[in-house]
Amino acid sequence: MSASGEALSDGIVTLIVEAEPAESTELFRYQYLRTQDPNERYDNMLEILQGSYFQQPTRFSDLMTALFGPESALAAQLLREGRCVLDFEQYTQGYRIPCGVARLAESHPFHQATLWHNRMFNHHLPAAVQILAFRPDWPHASAYRREEA
């Protein structure tokens, strides 16, 4: 949602990225290039992510990323505003996290990590994509509980 509370999208997929993603980025890239079979790529990626990848939270940056198409109106609006509030919910627990928004250069390690991660799941990605970074403003983040329906 915008900083003023306007809903900008029903949802976007954000990623948490390792603080030093070079090794995992190369692994994702290697797995992607070693086969043309999207099902094999998917299975390989799931095996990686279900293993030890997320077991050490201190390895990860608090910066989140998201991939958008080259002409995404949502990405353009987020960049214009420079801020947004990410609203995460699971079951009855929710979190609202205000974030600064910036575009990542193609050479940025987090851009590459996000690109190769997403390619593993979507082999139809266009050549030109936009990857945005969301930097949390933790002091202004909040948690809430939602009543069960």
N, C-alpha and C. Protein backbone atom coordinates (compact mmCIF):
# COMPACT_ATOMS: atom_id res chain seq x y z
N MET A 1 0.84 -1.17 0.00
CA MET A 1 0.00 0.00 0.00
C MET A 1 0.89 1.23 0.00
N SER A 2 0.30 2.34 -0.44
CA SER A 2 1.06 3.59 -0.45
C SER A 2 1.27 4.05 0.98
N ALA A 3 2.14 5.02 1.17
CA ALA A 3 2.39 5.55 2.51
C ALA A 3 1.12 6.17 3.09
N SER A 4 0.20 6.62 2.21
CA SER A 4 -1.06 7.22 2.68
C SER A 4 -2.15 6.18 2.96
N GLY A 5 -1.87 4.89 2.69
CA GLY A 5 -2.81 3.83 3.01
C GLY A 5 -3.60 3.30 1.83
N GLU A 6 -3.38 3.82 0.63
CA GLU A 6 -4.08 3.35 -0.58
C GLU A 6 -3.50 2.01 -1.02
N ALA A 7 -4.38 1.03 -1.25
CA ALA A 7 -3.92 -0.27 -1.73
C ALA A 7 -3.39 -0.11 -3.15
N LEU A 8 -2.16 -0.54 -3.39
CA LEU A 8 -1.54 -0.43 -4.70
C LEU A 8 -1.61 -1.74 -5.48
N SER A 9 -1.73 -2.85 -4.77
CA SER A 9 -1.73 -4.16 -5.42
C SER A 9 -2.35 -5.17 -4.47
N ASP A 10 -2.96 -6.20 -5.05
CA ASP A 10 -3.48 -7.29 -4.23
C ASP A 10 -2.35 -8.11 -3.63
N GLY A 11 -1.19 -8.05 -4.25
CA GLY A 11 -0.05 -8.78 -3.72
C GLY A 11 1.14 -8.74 -4.64
N ILE A 12 2.30 -8.78 -4.06
CA ILE A 12 3.54 -8.96 -4.80
C ILE A 12 4.35 -10.01 -4.07
N VAL A 13 5.20 -10.69 -4.79
CA VAL A 13 6.07 -11.69 -4.19
C VAL A 13 7.39 -11.01 -3.85
N THR A 14 7.72 -11.03 -2.58
CA THR A 14 9.00 -10.48 -2.15
C THR A 14 9.92 -11.61 -1.75
N LEU A 15 11.21 -11.34 -1.87
CA LEU A 15 12.22 -12.32 -1.48
C LEU A 15 13.08 -11.75 -0.38
N ILE A 16 13.51 -12.61 0.52
CA ILE A 16 14.59 -12.23 1.40
C ILE A 16 15.86 -12.76 0.74
N VAL A 17 16.93 -11.98 0.84
CA VAL A 17 18.16 -12.30 0.13
C VAL A 17 19.30 -12.39 1.14
N GLU A 18 20.18 -13.34 0.89
CA GLU A 18 21.35 -13.45 1.75
C GLU A 18 22.15 -12.14 1.70
N ALA A 19 22.77 -11.79 2.81
CA ALA A 19 23.58 -10.58 2.86
C ALA A 19 24.75 -10.67 1.88
N GLU A 20 25.27 -11.87 1.70
CA GLU A 20 26.35 -12.14 0.73
C GLU A 20 25.85 -13.21 -0.22
N PRO A 21 25.14 -12.83 -1.29
CA PRO A 21 24.43 -13.83 -2.11
C PRO A 21 25.23 -14.45 -3.26
N ALA A 22 26.51 -14.15 -3.39
CA ALA A 22 27.26 -14.60 -4.57
C ALA A 22 27.22 -16.11 -4.76
N GLU A 23 27.42 -16.86 -3.69
CA GLU A 23 27.47 -18.32 -3.80
C GLU A 23 26.12 -18.90 -4.20
N SER A 24 25.05 -18.47 -3.54
CA SER A 24 23.73 -19.02 -3.89
C SER A 24 23.29 -18.55 -5.28
N THR A 25 23.64 -17.31 -5.66
CA THR A 25 23.31 -16.83 -7.00
C THR A 25 23.97 -17.71 -8.05
N GLU A 26 25.22 -18.05 -7.85
CA GLU A 26 25.91 -18.93 -8.79
C GLU A 26 25.29 -20.32 -8.83
N LEU A 27 24.85 -20.80 -7.67
CA LEU A 27 24.17 -22.10 -7.62
C LEU A 27 22.87 -22.05 -8.40
N PHE A 28 22.06 -21.01 -8.20
CA PHE A 28 20.80 -20.87 -8.93
C PHE A 28 21.08 -20.77 -10.43
N ARG A 29 22.07 -19.96 -10.81
CA ARG A 29 22.42 -19.77 -12.22
C ARG A 29 22.85 -21.11 -12.83
N TYR A 30 23.71 -21.83 -12.13
CA TYR A 30 24.19 -23.12 -12.61
C TYR A 30 23.03 -24.09 -12.80
N GLN A 31 22.14 -24.18 -11.80
CA GLN A 31 21.01 -25.09 -11.88
C GLN A 31 20.10 -24.72 -13.05
N TYR A 32 19.93 -23.42 -13.29
CA TYR A 32 19.09 -22.97 -14.40
C TYR A 32 19.71 -23.36 -15.75
N LEU A 33 21.00 -23.14 -15.90
CA LEU A 33 21.66 -23.36 -17.19
C LEU A 33 21.95 -24.83 -17.48
N ARG A 34 21.95 -25.68 -16.46
CA ARG A 34 22.34 -27.07 -16.69
C ARG A 34 21.24 -27.91 -17.34
N THR A 35 20.00 -27.42 -17.35
CA THR A 35 18.92 -28.18 -18.00
C THR A 35 17.92 -27.22 -18.63
N GLN A 36 17.29 -27.67 -19.68
CA GLN A 36 16.23 -26.90 -20.32
C GLN A 36 14.84 -27.31 -19.81
N ASP A 37 14.80 -28.34 -18.98
CA ASP A 37 13.54 -28.88 -18.48
C ASP A 37 13.05 -28.05 -17.29
N PRO A 38 11.94 -27.29 -17.46
CA PRO A 38 11.45 -26.45 -16.36
C PRO A 38 11.03 -27.26 -15.13
N ASN A 39 10.54 -28.48 -15.32
CA ASN A 39 10.17 -29.31 -14.17
C ASN A 39 11.39 -29.73 -13.36
N GLU A 40 12.46 -30.05 -14.04
CA GLU A 40 13.70 -30.42 -13.35
C GLU A 40 14.27 -29.21 -12.61
N ARG A 41 14.22 -28.04 -13.25
CA ARG A 41 14.68 -26.81 -12.59
C ARG A 41 13.88 -26.56 -11.31
N TYR A 42 12.57 -26.67 -11.42
CA TYR A 42 11.69 -26.45 -10.28
C TYR A 42 12.01 -27.41 -9.15
N ASP A 43 12.14 -28.68 -9.47
CA ASP A 43 12.45 -29.69 -8.46
C ASP A 43 13.80 -29.42 -7.80
N ASN A 44 14.79 -29.04 -8.61
CA ASN A 44 16.11 -28.73 -8.06
C ASN A 44 16.05 -27.53 -7.12
N MET A 45 15.29 -26.51 -7.51
CA MET A 45 15.18 -25.31 -6.69
C MET A 45 14.49 -25.63 -5.37
N LEU A 46 13.42 -26.41 -5.42
CA LEU A 46 12.73 -26.78 -4.18
C LEU A 46 13.65 -27.55 -3.24
N GLU A 47 14.45 -28.43 -3.80
CA GLU A 47 15.38 -29.19 -2.97
C GLU A 47 16.38 -28.26 -2.28
N ILE A 48 16.88 -27.28 -3.01
CA ILE A 48 17.81 -26.31 -2.43
C ILE A 48 17.14 -25.51 -1.32
N LEU A 49 15.97 -24.98 -1.61
CA LEU A 49 15.29 -24.10 -0.65
C LEU A 49 14.75 -24.85 0.56
N GLN A 50 14.42 -26.13 0.41
CA GLN A 50 13.92 -26.92 1.53
C GLN A 50 15.05 -27.47 2.39
N GLY A 51 16.27 -27.39 1.90
CA GLY A 51 17.41 -27.89 2.65
C GLY A 51 17.83 -26.88 3.70
N SER A 52 19.09 -26.60 3.76
CA SER A 52 19.63 -25.72 4.80
C SER A 52 19.58 -24.25 4.44
N TYR A 53 19.07 -23.90 3.26
CA TYR A 53 19.13 -22.52 2.76
C TYR A 53 18.57 -21.51 3.76
N PHE A 54 17.41 -21.75 4.32
CA PHE A 54 16.77 -20.78 5.22
C PHE A 54 17.01 -21.08 6.70
N GLN A 55 17.89 -22.01 7.00
CA GLN A 55 18.06 -22.45 8.39
C GLN A 55 18.92 -21.54 9.24
N GLN A 56 19.58 -20.56 8.64
CA GLN A 56 20.45 -19.64 9.38
C GLN A 56 20.01 -18.21 9.09
N PRO A 57 19.05 -17.68 9.85
CA PRO A 57 18.49 -16.37 9.56
C PRO A 57 19.52 -15.23 9.58
N THR A 58 20.60 -15.40 10.32
CA THR A 58 21.61 -14.34 10.37
C THR A 58 22.35 -14.17 9.05
N ARG A 59 22.23 -15.13 8.14
CA ARG A 59 22.85 -15.02 6.81
C ARG A 59 22.11 -14.03 5.91
N PHE A 60 20.90 -13.65 6.28
CA PHE A 60 20.06 -12.88 5.39
C PHE A 60 20.05 -11.40 5.74
N SER A 61 19.95 -10.59 4.70
CA SER A 61 19.80 -9.15 4.84
C SER A 61 18.35 -8.86 5.21
N ASP A 62 18.09 -7.70 5.80
CA ASP A 62 16.68 -7.35 6.04
C ASP A 62 16.07 -6.66 4.82
N LEU A 63 16.87 -6.39 3.82
CA LEU A 63 16.37 -5.83 2.57
C LEU A 63 15.59 -6.91 1.82
N MET A 64 14.40 -6.57 1.33
CA MET A 64 13.61 -7.51 0.54
C MET A 64 13.63 -7.03 -0.91
N THR A 65 13.43 -7.94 -1.84
CA THR A 65 13.42 -7.59 -3.25
C THR A 65 12.17 -8.16 -3.91
N ALA A 66 11.84 -7.58 -5.06
CA ALA A 66 10.73 -8.10 -5.87
C ALA A 66 11.03 -7.82 -7.33
N LEU A 67 10.63 -8.75 -8.17
CA LEU A 67 10.85 -8.63 -9.62
C LEU A 67 9.56 -8.17 -10.29
N PHE A 68 9.71 -7.21 -11.21
CA PHE A 68 8.58 -6.67 -11.98
C PHE A 68 8.94 -6.69 -13.45
N GLY A 69 7.93 -6.70 -14.30
CA GLY A 69 8.14 -6.64 -15.73
C GLY A 69 8.73 -5.31 -16.15
N PRO A 70 9.25 -5.24 -17.37
CA PRO A 70 9.95 -4.03 -17.83
C PRO A 70 9.05 -2.78 -17.89
N GLU A 71 7.76 -2.95 -18.10
CA GLU A 71 6.85 -1.81 -18.20
C GLU A 71 5.83 -1.77 -17.07
N SER A 72 6.17 -2.31 -15.93
CA SER A 72 5.23 -2.42 -14.81
C SER A 72 4.80 -1.05 -14.29
N ALA A 73 3.49 -0.80 -14.33
CA ALA A 73 2.94 0.44 -13.79
C ALA A 73 3.09 0.48 -12.27
N LEU A 74 2.97 -0.68 -11.63
CA LEU A 74 3.13 -0.73 -10.18
C LEU A 74 4.55 -0.37 -9.78
N ALA A 75 5.53 -0.93 -10.47
CA ALA A 75 6.93 -0.60 -10.17
C ALA A 75 7.18 0.89 -10.37
N ALA A 76 6.63 1.46 -11.43
CA ALA A 76 6.80 2.90 -11.68
C ALA A 76 6.20 3.72 -10.55
N GLN A 77 5.02 3.33 -10.08
CA GLN A 77 4.37 4.07 -9.00
C GLN A 77 5.17 3.93 -7.70
N LEU A 78 5.64 2.74 -7.40
CA LEU A 78 6.44 2.54 -6.19
C LEU A 78 7.71 3.39 -6.23
N LEU A 79 8.35 3.44 -7.39
CA LEU A 79 9.57 4.24 -7.52
C LEU A 79 9.27 5.73 -7.41
N ARG A 80 8.16 6.17 -7.99
CA ARG A 80 7.77 7.60 -7.88
C ARG A 80 7.57 7.99 -6.43
N GLU A 81 6.85 7.14 -5.70
CA GLU A 81 6.55 7.46 -4.30
C GLU A 81 7.77 7.26 -3.40
N GLY A 82 8.62 6.29 -3.74
CA GLY A 82 9.83 6.05 -2.96
C GLY A 82 9.60 5.38 -1.62
N ARG A 83 8.35 5.15 -1.27
CA ARG A 83 7.98 4.52 0.00
C ARG A 83 6.71 3.72 -0.20
N CYS A 84 6.53 2.72 0.63
CA CYS A 84 5.28 1.96 0.64
C CYS A 84 5.18 1.25 1.97
N VAL A 85 4.07 0.58 2.19
CA VAL A 85 3.90 -0.26 3.37
C VAL A 85 3.61 -1.66 2.87
N LEU A 86 4.47 -2.61 3.23
CA LEU A 86 4.22 -4.01 2.90
C LEU A 86 3.38 -4.59 4.02
N ASP A 87 2.31 -5.26 3.63
CA ASP A 87 1.37 -5.83 4.59
C ASP A 87 1.38 -7.34 4.39
N PHE A 88 1.91 -8.07 5.37
CA PHE A 88 2.02 -9.52 5.30
C PHE A 88 1.00 -10.12 6.25
N GLU A 89 0.31 -11.16 5.80
CA GLU A 89 -0.62 -11.88 6.66
C GLU A 89 -0.44 -13.37 6.48
N GLN A 90 -0.52 -14.08 7.59
CA GLN A 90 -0.61 -15.54 7.55
C GLN A 90 -1.52 -15.95 8.69
N TYR A 91 -2.59 -16.63 8.32
CA TYR A 91 -3.63 -17.02 9.26
C TYR A 91 -4.17 -15.76 9.94
N THR A 92 -4.03 -15.63 11.24
CA THR A 92 -4.59 -14.47 11.92
C THR A 92 -3.52 -13.43 12.29
N GLN A 93 -2.27 -13.69 11.94
CA GLN A 93 -1.18 -12.77 12.29
C GLN A 93 -0.83 -11.92 11.07
N GLY A 94 -0.66 -10.64 11.29
CA GLY A 94 -0.27 -9.74 10.22
C GLY A 94 0.82 -8.79 10.66
N TYR A 95 1.51 -8.23 9.69
CA TYR A 95 2.58 -7.26 9.93
C TYR A 95 2.48 -6.17 8.88
N ARG A 96 2.65 -4.94 9.30
CA ARG A 96 2.73 -3.81 8.39
C ARG A 96 4.13 -3.22 8.52
N ILE A 97 4.85 -3.22 7.40
CA ILE A 97 6.24 -2.79 7.44
C ILE A 97 6.44 -1.64 6.45
N PRO A 98 6.60 -0.41 6.95
CA PRO A 98 6.92 0.69 6.05
C PRO A 98 8.31 0.46 5.45
N CYS A 99 8.45 0.77 4.17
CA CYS A 99 9.72 0.53 3.48
C CYS A 99 10.06 1.68 2.54
N GLY A 100 11.34 1.94 2.42
CA GLY A 100 11.83 2.76 1.33
C GLY A 100 11.96 1.87 0.11
N VAL A 101 11.72 2.44 -1.08
CA VAL A 101 11.75 1.66 -2.32
C VAL A 101 12.79 2.24 -3.26
N ALA A 102 13.61 1.38 -3.85
CA ALA A 102 14.61 1.82 -4.83
C ALA A 102 14.80 0.73 -5.88
N ARG A 103 15.20 1.14 -7.08
CA ARG A 103 15.51 0.17 -8.14
C ARG A 103 16.94 -0.31 -7.94
N LEU A 104 17.16 -1.60 -8.13
CA LEU A 104 18.51 -2.15 -8.05
C LEU A 104 19.13 -2.20 -9.44
N ALA A 105 20.36 -1.76 -9.54
CA ALA A 105 21.09 -1.84 -10.81
C ALA A 105 21.31 -3.31 -11.16
N GLU A 106 21.38 -3.58 -12.44
CA GLU A 106 21.57 -4.96 -12.91
C GLU A 106 22.82 -5.59 -12.32
N SER A 107 23.83 -4.79 -12.06
CA SER A 107 25.09 -5.31 -11.51
C SER A 107 25.04 -5.55 -10.00
N HIS A 108 24.00 -5.08 -9.34
CA HIS A 108 23.91 -5.24 -7.88
C HIS A 108 23.76 -6.72 -7.54
N PRO A 109 24.49 -7.22 -6.53
CA PRO A 109 24.38 -8.64 -6.17
C PRO A 109 22.95 -9.08 -5.81
N PHE A 110 22.16 -8.20 -5.20
CA PHE A 110 20.78 -8.57 -4.85
C PHE A 110 19.90 -8.65 -6.10
N HIS A 111 20.20 -7.83 -7.11
CA HIS A 111 19.49 -7.91 -8.39
C HIS A 111 19.73 -9.29 -9.01
N GLN A 112 21.01 -9.68 -9.08
CA GLN A 112 21.36 -10.96 -9.68
C GLN A 112 20.75 -12.13 -8.90
N ALA A 113 20.80 -12.06 -7.57
CA ALA A 113 20.23 -13.13 -6.75
C ALA A 113 18.73 -13.27 -7.01
N THR A 114 18.03 -12.15 -7.08
CA THR A 114 16.58 -12.16 -7.32
C THR A 114 16.26 -12.66 -8.72
N LEU A 115 17.03 -12.21 -9.70
CA LEU A 115 16.81 -12.62 -11.09
C LEU A 115 16.95 -14.14 -11.24
N TRP A 116 18.06 -14.71 -10.75
CA TRP A 116 18.28 -16.14 -10.94
C TRP A 116 17.34 -16.98 -10.09
N HIS A 117 16.98 -16.49 -8.94
CA HIS A 117 15.97 -17.18 -8.12
C HIS A 117 14.66 -17.27 -8.90
N ASN A 118 14.22 -16.14 -9.44
CA ASN A 118 12.95 -16.11 -10.17
C ASN A 118 13.00 -16.90 -11.46
N ARG A 119 14.13 -16.91 -12.15
CA ARG A 119 14.25 -17.69 -13.39
C ARG A 119 14.07 -19.18 -13.13
N MET A 120 14.49 -19.63 -11.96
CA MET A 120 14.33 -21.05 -11.64
C MET A 120 12.86 -21.45 -11.63
N PHE A 121 11.99 -20.53 -11.26
CA PHE A 121 10.56 -20.82 -11.18
C PHE A 121 9.78 -20.36 -12.41
N ASN A 122 10.36 -19.47 -13.21
CA ASN A 122 9.65 -18.94 -14.37
C ASN A 122 10.63 -18.76 -15.53
N HIS A 123 10.71 -19.75 -16.39
CA HIS A 123 11.66 -19.69 -17.50
C HIS A 123 11.19 -18.76 -18.62
N HIS A 124 10.01 -18.15 -18.47
CA HIS A 124 9.49 -17.23 -19.48
C HIS A 124 9.74 -15.76 -19.11
N LEU A 125 10.61 -15.49 -18.15
CA LEU A 125 10.88 -14.10 -17.79
C LEU A 125 11.42 -13.34 -19.00
N PRO A 126 10.97 -12.11 -19.19
CA PRO A 126 11.53 -11.31 -20.29
C PRO A 126 12.99 -10.98 -20.01
N ALA A 127 13.69 -10.61 -21.06
CA ALA A 127 15.12 -10.29 -20.92
C ALA A 127 15.33 -9.10 -19.99
N ALA A 128 14.48 -8.09 -20.12
CA ALA A 128 14.61 -6.89 -19.29
C ALA A 128 13.55 -6.94 -18.19
N VAL A 129 14.00 -6.92 -16.96
CA VAL A 129 13.09 -6.89 -15.82
C VAL A 129 13.54 -5.76 -14.90
N GLN A 130 12.66 -5.38 -14.01
CA GLN A 130 13.01 -4.41 -12.98
C GLN A 130 13.01 -5.14 -11.65
N ILE A 131 14.02 -4.90 -10.87
CA ILE A 131 14.06 -5.47 -9.53
C ILE A 131 14.15 -4.32 -8.54
N LEU A 132 13.16 -4.29 -7.66
CA LEU A 132 13.09 -3.23 -6.66
C LEU A 132 13.51 -3.77 -5.31
N ALA A 133 14.13 -2.89 -4.54
CA ALA A 133 14.54 -3.21 -3.17
C ALA A 133 13.60 -2.50 -2.21
N PHE A 134 13.22 -3.19 -1.16
CA PHE A 134 12.36 -2.65 -0.12
C PHE A 134 13.16 -2.67 1.18
N ARG A 135 13.51 -1.47 1.67
CA ARG A 135 14.29 -1.36 2.91
C ARG A 135 13.34 -1.07 4.06
N PRO A 136 13.16 -2.02 4.98
CA PRO A 136 12.22 -1.85 6.09
C PRO A 136 12.61 -0.71 7.04
N ASP A 137 11.60 -0.01 7.49
CA ASP A 137 11.74 1.00 8.54
C ASP A 137 11.24 0.32 9.82
N TRP A 138 12.09 -0.50 10.43
CA TRP A 138 11.69 -1.35 11.55
C TRP A 138 11.09 -0.60 12.73
N PRO A 139 11.61 0.58 13.09
CA PRO A 139 11.00 1.27 14.24
C PRO A 139 9.52 1.62 14.04
N HIS A 140 9.07 1.71 12.79
CA HIS A 140 7.68 2.06 12.52
C HIS A 140 6.83 0.86 12.05
N ALA A 141 7.41 -0.34 12.09
CA ALA A 141 6.66 -1.55 11.72
C ALA A 141 5.72 -1.92 12.86
N SER A 142 4.65 -2.62 12.51
CA SER A 142 3.69 -3.03 13.54
C SER A 142 3.14 -4.41 13.23
N ALA A 143 2.71 -5.07 14.28
CA ALA A 143 2.08 -6.38 14.16
C ALA A 143 0.61 -6.22 14.55
N TYR A 144 -0.23 -7.08 13.99
CA TYR A 144 -1.64 -7.07 14.35
C TYR A 144 -2.20 -8.47 14.24
N ARG A 145 -3.31 -8.69 14.90
CA ARG A 145 -4.01 -9.97 14.82
C ARG A 145 -5.36 -9.72 14.16
N ARG A 146 -5.70 -10.62 13.26
CA ARG A 146 -6.95 -10.54 12.53
C ARG A 146 -7.91 -11.57 13.11
N GLU A 147 -9.15 -11.19 13.25
CA GLU A 147 -10.16 -12.13 13.74
C GLU A 147 -10.39 -13.22 12.70
N GLU A 148 -10.56 -14.45 13.15
CA GLU A 148 -10.85 -15.56 12.23
C GLU A 148 -12.22 -15.36 11.62
N ALA A 149 -12.35 -15.69 10.34
CA ALA A 149 -13.64 -15.53 9.65
C ALA A 149 -14.58 -16.66 9.99
